[in-house]
């Protein structure tokens, strides 16, 4: 396929915009060489297949910015809010994962220490596990050390 045939084919591409099918139009554009260098270096990084698509997105983005008091603001803000929220969620997820890992290590160390210094038969161990499961459900996972000490002393 020749270059001219590709251009003719691409210039006649239709797009559905707001329920209305529209054909692309061709018009001359004059830009500075530095701007073209920026477009050449970034359009593929923005998942654009062509420079035209990149410029179209840039125009829509900037137009949304200028129309921020208009209903068209959604085109500008929605991707921005989504990107910000994704970043916050990923950061929080990483922090929580690290904290849970550290807690699991500490609980593992304590469990092994307690098992090494105590001689608990299996029946007592199973009763203790059942009691703790019920307690965790009842208090919604918030364990109070003072309550546990009082409970253990009341059994003596």
N, C-alpha and C. Protein backbone atom coordinates (compact mmCIF):
# COMPACT_ATOMS: atom_id res chain seq x y z
N UNK A 1 0.85 -1.17 0.00
CA UNK A 1 0.00 0.00 0.00
C UNK A 1 0.90 1.24 0.00
N UNK A 2 0.64 2.14 -0.90
CA UNK A 2 1.46 3.33 -1.02
C UNK A 2 1.16 4.30 0.12
N UNK A 3 2.06 5.24 0.28
CA UNK A 3 1.92 6.24 1.34
C UNK A 3 0.67 7.09 1.13
N UNK A 4 0.39 7.47 -0.10
CA UNK A 4 -0.78 8.29 -0.41
C UNK A 4 -2.07 7.54 -0.16
N UNK A 5 -2.07 6.22 -0.48
CA UNK A 5 -3.27 5.41 -0.23
C UNK A 5 -3.54 5.32 1.26
N UNK A 6 -2.47 5.12 2.06
CA UNK A 6 -2.62 5.07 3.52
C UNK A 6 -3.18 6.38 4.06
N UNK A 7 -2.66 7.50 3.54
CA UNK A 7 -3.13 8.81 3.99
C UNK A 7 -4.61 8.99 3.67
N UNK A 8 -5.00 8.63 2.46
CA UNK A 8 -6.40 8.77 2.07
C UNK A 8 -7.29 7.89 2.94
N UNK A 9 -6.81 6.68 3.23
CA UNK A 9 -7.60 5.77 4.06
C UNK A 9 -7.73 6.31 5.48
N UNK A 10 -6.61 6.80 6.05
CA UNK A 10 -6.62 7.32 7.42
C UNK A 10 -7.41 8.61 7.55
N UNK A 11 -7.46 9.42 6.50
CA UNK A 11 -8.16 10.70 6.60
C UNK A 11 -9.67 10.50 6.58
N UNK A 12 -10.12 9.34 6.13
CA UNK A 12 -11.54 9.09 6.02
C UNK A 12 -12.06 8.23 7.17
N UNK A 13 -11.27 8.08 8.22
CA UNK A 13 -11.67 7.25 9.36
C UNK A 13 -12.82 7.91 10.09
N UNK A 14 -13.84 7.11 10.43
CA UNK A 14 -14.99 7.64 11.15
C UNK A 14 -14.87 7.31 12.62
N UNK A 15 -15.42 8.17 13.43
CA UNK A 15 -15.39 7.97 14.88
C UNK A 15 -16.77 8.31 15.44
N UNK A 16 -17.17 7.57 16.45
CA UNK A 16 -18.45 7.81 17.09
C UNK A 16 -18.22 8.76 18.26
N UNK A 17 -18.66 9.99 18.14
CA UNK A 17 -18.47 11.00 19.19
C UNK A 17 -19.83 11.42 19.69
N UNK A 18 -20.15 11.06 20.92
CA UNK A 18 -21.43 11.45 21.52
C UNK A 18 -22.63 10.94 20.74
N UNK A 19 -22.53 9.74 20.17
CA UNK A 19 -23.65 9.16 19.45
C UNK A 19 -23.74 9.61 18.00
N UNK A 20 -22.81 10.48 17.57
CA UNK A 20 -22.82 10.98 16.20
C UNK A 20 -21.55 10.49 15.51
N UNK A 21 -21.70 9.89 14.33
CA UNK A 21 -20.54 9.44 13.58
C UNK A 21 -19.95 10.62 12.83
N UNK A 22 -18.63 10.81 12.98
CA UNK A 22 -17.98 11.94 12.34
C UNK A 22 -16.74 11.45 11.61
N UNK A 23 -16.47 12.03 10.46
CA UNK A 23 -15.25 11.73 9.71
C UNK A 23 -14.19 12.73 10.11
N UNK A 24 -12.94 12.29 10.04
CA UNK A 24 -11.84 13.21 10.32
C UNK A 24 -11.69 14.19 9.17
N UNK A 25 -11.22 15.37 9.52
CA UNK A 25 -10.92 16.36 8.49
C UNK A 25 -9.43 16.63 8.51
N UNK A 26 -8.94 17.07 7.39
CA UNK A 26 -7.51 17.33 7.27
C UNK A 26 -7.30 18.84 7.16
N UNK A 27 -6.33 19.35 7.92
CA UNK A 27 -6.00 20.77 7.80
C UNK A 27 -4.53 20.93 8.14
N UNK A 28 -3.90 21.98 7.61
CA UNK A 28 -2.46 22.17 7.87
C UNK A 28 -2.23 22.66 9.30
N UNK A 29 -1.11 22.22 9.85
CA UNK A 29 -0.73 22.66 11.20
C UNK A 29 0.75 23.05 11.15
N UNK A 30 1.08 24.14 11.76
CA UNK A 30 2.45 24.62 11.81
C UNK A 30 2.88 24.61 13.27
N UNK A 31 3.92 23.86 13.56
CA UNK A 31 4.43 23.78 14.93
C UNK A 31 5.95 23.95 14.92
N UNK A 32 6.49 24.30 16.06
CA UNK A 32 7.92 24.48 16.20
C UNK A 32 8.63 23.12 16.19
N UNK A 33 9.88 23.11 15.73
CA UNK A 33 10.63 21.84 15.69
C UNK A 33 10.75 21.18 17.07
N UNK A 34 10.88 21.98 18.13
CA UNK A 34 10.98 21.42 19.48
C UNK A 34 9.70 20.68 19.86
N UNK A 35 8.55 21.26 19.45
CA UNK A 35 7.27 20.62 19.73
C UNK A 35 7.18 19.29 18.99
N UNK A 36 7.65 19.27 17.74
CA UNK A 36 7.61 18.03 16.95
C UNK A 36 8.53 16.98 17.58
N UNK A 37 9.66 17.39 18.11
CA UNK A 37 10.55 16.44 18.79
C UNK A 37 9.85 15.83 19.99
N UNK A 38 9.12 16.67 20.73
CA UNK A 38 8.37 16.18 21.88
C UNK A 38 7.32 15.17 21.44
N UNK A 39 6.59 15.50 20.39
CA UNK A 39 5.55 14.58 19.88
C UNK A 39 6.19 13.27 19.45
N UNK A 40 7.30 13.35 18.71
CA UNK A 40 7.97 12.13 18.24
C UNK A 40 8.44 11.25 19.39
N UNK A 41 8.86 11.88 20.47
CA UNK A 41 9.39 11.08 21.59
C UNK A 41 8.31 10.55 22.52
N UNK A 42 7.11 11.16 22.49
CA UNK A 42 6.10 10.78 23.48
C UNK A 42 4.87 10.05 22.93
N UNK A 43 4.58 10.14 21.65
CA UNK A 43 3.29 9.62 21.20
C UNK A 43 3.15 8.12 21.40
N UNK A 44 4.21 7.35 21.25
CA UNK A 44 4.13 5.91 21.47
C UNK A 44 4.03 5.58 22.96
N UNK A 45 4.65 6.38 23.80
CA UNK A 45 4.59 6.17 25.25
C UNK A 45 3.18 6.39 25.78
N UNK A 46 2.38 7.17 25.05
CA UNK A 46 1.00 7.44 25.44
C UNK A 46 0.04 6.44 24.80
N UNK A 47 0.58 5.35 24.26
CA UNK A 47 -0.20 4.29 23.60
C UNK A 47 -0.96 4.80 22.39
N UNK A 48 -0.41 5.79 21.74
CA UNK A 48 -1.01 6.30 20.51
C UNK A 48 -0.34 5.61 19.32
N UNK A 49 -1.15 5.23 18.35
CA UNK A 49 -0.57 4.57 17.18
C UNK A 49 -0.03 5.57 16.17
N UNK A 50 -0.53 6.80 16.23
CA UNK A 50 -0.06 7.83 15.30
C UNK A 50 0.14 9.15 16.04
N UNK A 51 0.89 10.02 15.40
CA UNK A 51 1.09 11.36 15.96
C UNK A 51 -0.21 12.14 15.95
N UNK A 52 -1.04 11.89 14.94
CA UNK A 52 -2.34 12.55 14.85
C UNK A 52 -3.20 12.21 16.07
N UNK A 53 -3.20 10.93 16.44
CA UNK A 53 -3.98 10.51 17.62
C UNK A 53 -3.46 11.21 18.88
N UNK A 54 -2.14 11.32 18.99
CA UNK A 54 -1.52 12.00 20.13
C UNK A 54 -1.96 13.47 20.19
N UNK A 55 -1.89 14.15 19.06
CA UNK A 55 -2.28 15.56 19.00
C UNK A 55 -3.76 15.71 19.32
N UNK A 56 -4.60 14.80 18.80
CA UNK A 56 -6.04 14.83 19.08
C UNK A 56 -6.29 14.71 20.58
N UNK A 57 -5.60 13.77 21.24
CA UNK A 57 -5.76 13.61 22.69
C UNK A 57 -5.30 14.86 23.43
N UNK A 58 -4.18 15.42 22.99
CA UNK A 58 -3.65 16.63 23.64
C UNK A 58 -4.63 17.79 23.53
N UNK A 59 -5.23 17.94 22.36
CA UNK A 59 -6.20 19.02 22.15
C UNK A 59 -7.42 18.82 23.04
N UNK A 60 -7.92 17.58 23.11
CA UNK A 60 -9.09 17.30 23.96
C UNK A 60 -8.76 17.54 25.44
N UNK A 61 -7.57 17.13 25.83
CA UNK A 61 -7.15 17.33 27.22
C UNK A 61 -7.08 18.81 27.56
N UNK A 62 -6.40 19.57 26.72
CA UNK A 62 -6.25 21.00 26.97
C UNK A 62 -7.59 21.73 26.89
N UNK A 63 -8.43 21.32 25.96
CA UNK A 63 -9.76 21.93 25.86
C UNK A 63 -10.56 21.65 27.12
N UNK A 64 -10.45 20.45 27.65
CA UNK A 64 -11.11 20.13 28.91
C UNK A 64 -10.62 20.99 30.05
N UNK A 65 -9.31 21.24 30.05
CA UNK A 65 -8.73 22.12 31.07
C UNK A 65 -9.32 23.53 30.96
N UNK A 66 -9.42 24.04 29.75
CA UNK A 66 -9.95 25.39 29.56
C UNK A 66 -11.44 25.47 29.88
N UNK A 67 -12.15 24.38 29.71
CA UNK A 67 -13.60 24.37 29.93
C UNK A 67 -13.95 23.81 31.32
N UNK A 68 -13.07 23.99 32.28
CA UNK A 68 -13.28 23.33 33.57
C UNK A 68 -14.56 23.71 34.30
N UNK A 69 -15.20 24.78 33.95
CA UNK A 69 -16.48 25.13 34.56
C UNK A 69 -17.66 24.64 33.74
N UNK A 70 -17.36 23.89 32.69
CA UNK A 70 -18.39 23.39 31.78
C UNK A 70 -18.58 21.89 31.99
N UNK A 71 -19.68 21.33 31.50
CA UNK A 71 -19.91 19.88 31.61
C UNK A 71 -18.83 19.04 30.94
N UNK A 72 -18.12 19.63 29.97
CA UNK A 72 -17.06 18.90 29.27
C UNK A 72 -15.87 18.62 30.19
N UNK A 73 -15.90 19.14 31.38
CA UNK A 73 -14.82 18.95 32.35
C UNK A 73 -14.54 17.48 32.60
N UNK A 74 -15.55 16.64 32.48
CA UNK A 74 -15.39 15.22 32.76
C UNK A 74 -14.29 14.61 31.89
N UNK A 75 -14.14 15.07 30.64
CA UNK A 75 -13.10 14.55 29.75
C UNK A 75 -11.72 14.89 30.28
N UNK A 76 -11.60 16.00 30.97
CA UNK A 76 -10.31 16.42 31.52
C UNK A 76 -10.05 15.79 32.88
N UNK A 77 -11.04 15.83 33.75
CA UNK A 77 -10.83 15.39 35.13
C UNK A 77 -10.88 13.88 35.34
N UNK A 78 -11.76 13.18 34.66
CA UNK A 78 -11.94 11.76 34.92
C UNK A 78 -10.63 10.98 34.81
N UNK A 79 -9.85 11.14 33.76
CA UNK A 79 -8.58 10.41 33.70
C UNK A 79 -7.60 10.85 34.80
N UNK A 80 -7.64 12.15 35.12
CA UNK A 80 -6.73 12.66 36.15
C UNK A 80 -7.06 12.07 37.52
N UNK A 81 -8.33 12.08 37.87
CA UNK A 81 -8.77 11.54 39.16
C UNK A 81 -8.46 10.04 39.23
N UNK A 82 -8.74 9.34 38.14
CA UNK A 82 -8.46 7.91 38.09
C UNK A 82 -6.99 7.62 38.31
N UNK A 83 -6.12 8.37 37.67
CA UNK A 83 -4.68 8.17 37.82
C UNK A 83 -4.24 8.46 39.25
N UNK A 84 -4.73 9.52 39.84
CA UNK A 84 -4.36 9.88 41.21
C UNK A 84 -4.84 8.81 42.19
N UNK A 85 -6.08 8.38 42.04
CA UNK A 85 -6.63 7.36 42.94
C UNK A 85 -5.86 6.05 42.80
N UNK A 86 -5.53 5.66 41.57
CA UNK A 86 -4.74 4.44 41.36
C UNK A 86 -3.41 4.52 42.09
N UNK A 87 -2.75 5.66 42.00
CA UNK A 87 -1.47 5.84 42.68
C UNK A 87 -1.60 5.74 44.19
N UNK A 88 -2.63 6.36 44.73
CA UNK A 88 -2.85 6.31 46.17
C UNK A 88 -3.15 4.89 46.62
N UNK A 89 -3.99 4.19 45.87
CA UNK A 89 -4.35 2.82 46.24
C UNK A 89 -3.13 1.91 46.18
N UNK A 90 -2.33 2.03 45.13
CA UNK A 90 -1.14 1.18 45.01
C UNK A 90 -0.16 1.46 46.14
N UNK A 91 0.03 2.72 46.49
CA UNK A 91 0.93 3.06 47.59
C UNK A 91 0.43 2.51 48.91
N UNK A 92 -0.86 2.67 49.16
CA UNK A 92 -1.46 2.16 50.39
C UNK A 92 -1.38 0.64 50.45
N UNK A 93 -1.64 0.00 49.32
CA UNK A 93 -1.58 -1.46 49.25
C UNK A 93 -0.19 -1.96 49.59
N UNK A 94 0.83 -1.30 49.06
CA UNK A 94 2.20 -1.70 49.35
C UNK A 94 2.53 -1.51 50.83
N UNK A 95 2.11 -0.39 51.39
CA UNK A 95 2.37 -0.14 52.82
C UNK A 95 1.67 -1.16 53.69
N UNK A 96 0.41 -1.48 53.38
CA UNK A 96 -0.33 -2.47 54.16
C UNK A 96 0.30 -3.85 54.02
N UNK A 97 0.72 -4.21 52.83
CA UNK A 97 1.34 -5.51 52.61
C UNK A 97 2.62 -5.64 53.43
N UNK A 98 3.43 -4.60 53.44
CA UNK A 98 4.66 -4.64 54.25
C UNK A 98 4.34 -4.75 55.73
N UNK A 99 3.37 -3.99 56.19
CA UNK A 99 3.00 -4.03 57.61
C UNK A 99 2.45 -5.40 58.00
N UNK A 100 1.60 -5.98 57.16
CA UNK A 100 1.05 -7.31 57.45
C UNK A 100 2.15 -8.35 57.46
N UNK A 101 3.10 -8.26 56.54
CA UNK A 101 4.22 -9.20 56.52
C UNK A 101 5.03 -9.10 57.81
N UNK A 102 5.32 -7.87 58.23
CA UNK A 102 6.10 -7.69 59.46
C UNK A 102 5.34 -8.24 60.67
N UNK A 103 4.03 -7.99 60.72
CA UNK A 103 3.22 -8.53 61.81
C UNK A 103 3.21 -10.05 61.81
N UNK A 104 3.10 -10.65 60.63
CA UNK A 104 3.09 -12.11 60.53
C UNK A 104 4.41 -12.68 61.02
N UNK A 105 5.51 -12.03 60.72
CA UNK A 105 6.82 -12.49 61.20
C UNK A 105 6.87 -12.43 62.73
N UNK A 106 6.41 -11.30 63.28
CA UNK A 106 6.43 -11.15 64.74
C UNK A 106 5.53 -12.18 65.43
N UNK A 107 4.34 -12.40 64.88
CA UNK A 107 3.43 -13.40 65.45
C UNK A 107 4.07 -14.79 65.37
N UNK A 108 4.72 -15.08 64.25
CA UNK A 108 5.41 -16.36 64.10
C UNK A 108 6.50 -16.56 65.14
N UNK A 109 7.29 -15.51 65.38
CA UNK A 109 8.35 -15.57 66.39
C UNK A 109 7.73 -15.81 67.77
N UNK A 110 6.70 -15.06 68.12
CA UNK A 110 6.05 -15.22 69.42
C UNK A 110 5.44 -16.61 69.58
N UNK A 111 4.83 -17.11 68.53
CA UNK A 111 4.21 -18.44 68.58
C UNK A 111 5.26 -19.51 68.86
N UNK A 112 6.38 -19.44 68.16
CA UNK A 112 7.44 -20.42 68.38
C UNK A 112 8.05 -20.30 69.77
N UNK A 113 8.19 -19.07 70.28
CA UNK A 113 8.71 -18.88 71.64
C UNK A 113 7.76 -19.48 72.66
N UNK A 114 6.47 -19.18 72.52
CA UNK A 114 5.48 -19.72 73.46
C UNK A 114 5.42 -21.24 73.40
N UNK A 115 5.48 -21.78 72.21
CA UNK A 115 5.44 -23.24 72.07
C UNK A 115 6.67 -23.89 72.70
N UNK A 116 7.81 -23.21 72.64
CA UNK A 116 9.05 -23.76 73.19
C UNK A 116 9.05 -23.74 74.71
N UNK A 117 8.41 -22.74 75.34
CA UNK A 117 8.49 -22.64 76.80
C UNK A 117 7.27 -23.21 77.52
N UNK A 118 6.22 -23.59 76.79
CA UNK A 118 5.01 -24.11 77.43
C UNK A 118 4.75 -25.55 77.00
N UNK A 119 4.20 -26.28 77.93
CA UNK A 119 3.82 -27.66 77.64
C UNK A 119 2.29 -27.71 77.65
N UNK A 120 1.69 -27.57 76.46
CA UNK A 120 0.24 -27.52 76.36
C UNK A 120 -0.22 -28.76 75.60
N UNK A 121 -1.17 -29.48 76.19
CA UNK A 121 -1.68 -30.66 75.50
C UNK A 121 -2.60 -30.25 74.36
N UNK A 122 -2.87 -31.20 73.45
CA UNK A 122 -3.65 -30.88 72.24
C UNK A 122 -5.08 -30.46 72.55
N UNK A 123 -5.69 -31.06 73.54
CA UNK A 123 -7.07 -30.71 73.90
C UNK A 123 -7.16 -29.26 74.33
N UNK A 124 -6.26 -28.83 75.18
CA UNK A 124 -6.22 -27.45 75.64
C UNK A 124 -5.95 -26.50 74.47
N UNK A 125 -5.06 -26.91 73.59
CA UNK A 125 -4.72 -26.09 72.43
C UNK A 125 -5.94 -25.89 71.53
N UNK A 126 -6.70 -26.96 71.26
CA UNK A 126 -7.89 -26.85 70.41
C UNK A 126 -8.96 -25.99 71.08
N UNK A 127 -9.14 -26.14 72.41
CA UNK A 127 -10.11 -25.32 73.13
C UNK A 127 -9.71 -23.85 73.07
N UNK A 128 -8.41 -23.60 73.26
CA UNK A 128 -7.90 -22.22 73.20
C UNK A 128 -8.14 -21.61 71.82
N UNK A 129 -7.86 -22.39 70.76
CA UNK A 129 -8.06 -21.89 69.40
C UNK A 129 -9.53 -21.55 69.17
N UNK A 130 -10.44 -22.43 69.57
CA UNK A 130 -11.87 -22.18 69.41
C UNK A 130 -12.31 -20.93 70.17
N UNK A 131 -11.82 -20.80 71.40
CA UNK A 131 -12.16 -19.64 72.23
C UNK A 131 -11.67 -18.35 71.57
N UNK A 132 -10.45 -18.35 71.02
CA UNK A 132 -9.89 -17.16 70.40
C UNK A 132 -10.64 -16.82 69.11
N UNK A 133 -11.01 -17.83 68.34
CA UNK A 133 -11.79 -17.58 67.12
C UNK A 133 -13.11 -16.88 67.47
N UNK A 134 -13.80 -17.40 68.50
CA UNK A 134 -15.05 -16.77 68.93
C UNK A 134 -14.82 -15.34 69.40
N UNK A 135 -13.75 -15.13 70.16
CA UNK A 135 -13.45 -13.80 70.69
C UNK A 135 -13.14 -12.81 69.56
N UNK A 136 -12.34 -13.25 68.59
CA UNK A 136 -11.98 -12.36 67.48
C UNK A 136 -13.22 -11.98 66.69
N UNK A 137 -14.12 -12.92 66.48
CA UNK A 137 -15.38 -12.60 65.79
C UNK A 137 -16.21 -11.61 66.61
N UNK A 138 -16.28 -11.85 67.91
CA UNK A 138 -17.11 -11.01 68.79
C UNK A 138 -16.59 -9.58 68.88
N UNK A 139 -15.27 -9.42 68.97
CA UNK A 139 -14.70 -8.07 69.13
C UNK A 139 -14.23 -7.49 67.80
N UNK A 140 -14.61 -8.15 66.69
CA UNK A 140 -14.30 -7.66 65.35
C UNK A 140 -12.80 -7.50 65.12
N UNK A 141 -12.01 -8.43 65.64
CA UNK A 141 -10.57 -8.45 65.40
C UNK A 141 -9.74 -7.57 66.28
N UNK A 142 -10.35 -6.86 67.22
CA UNK A 142 -9.59 -5.97 68.10
C UNK A 142 -9.35 -6.70 69.42
N UNK A 143 -8.14 -7.21 69.58
CA UNK A 143 -7.78 -7.97 70.77
C UNK A 143 -7.20 -7.02 71.80
N UNK A 144 -7.69 -7.14 73.03
CA UNK A 144 -7.24 -6.30 74.13
C UNK A 144 -6.41 -7.17 75.08
N UNK A 145 -5.15 -6.83 75.29
CA UNK A 145 -4.25 -7.62 76.12
C UNK A 145 -4.74 -7.70 77.57
N UNK A 146 -5.22 -6.60 78.10
CA UNK A 146 -5.70 -6.59 79.49
C UNK A 146 -6.87 -7.56 79.67
N UNK A 147 -7.77 -7.61 78.69
CA UNK A 147 -8.90 -8.54 78.77
C UNK A 147 -8.41 -9.98 78.74
N UNK A 148 -7.42 -10.26 77.93
CA UNK A 148 -6.87 -11.61 77.84
C UNK A 148 -6.22 -12.01 79.17
N UNK A 149 -5.50 -11.09 79.79
CA UNK A 149 -4.86 -11.38 81.08
C UNK A 149 -5.93 -11.66 82.14
N UNK A 150 -6.97 -10.82 82.20
CA UNK A 150 -8.05 -11.05 83.17
C UNK A 150 -8.72 -12.40 82.93
N UNK A 151 -8.96 -12.75 81.68
CA UNK A 151 -9.59 -14.03 81.36
C UNK A 151 -8.72 -15.20 81.81
N UNK A 152 -7.44 -15.12 81.53
CA UNK A 152 -6.53 -16.20 81.89
C UNK A 152 -6.40 -16.32 83.41
N UNK A 153 -6.41 -15.24 84.12
CA UNK A 153 -6.29 -15.30 85.59
C UNK A 153 -7.57 -15.79 86.22
N UNK A 154 -8.71 -15.56 85.59
CA UNK A 154 -9.98 -16.00 86.16
C UNK A 154 -10.12 -17.53 86.07
N UNK A 155 -9.42 -18.17 85.17
CA UNK A 155 -9.48 -19.63 85.00
C UNK A 155 -8.64 -20.33 86.07
N UNK A 156 -7.69 -19.66 86.67
CA UNK A 156 -6.77 -20.31 87.62
C UNK A 156 -7.45 -20.73 88.89
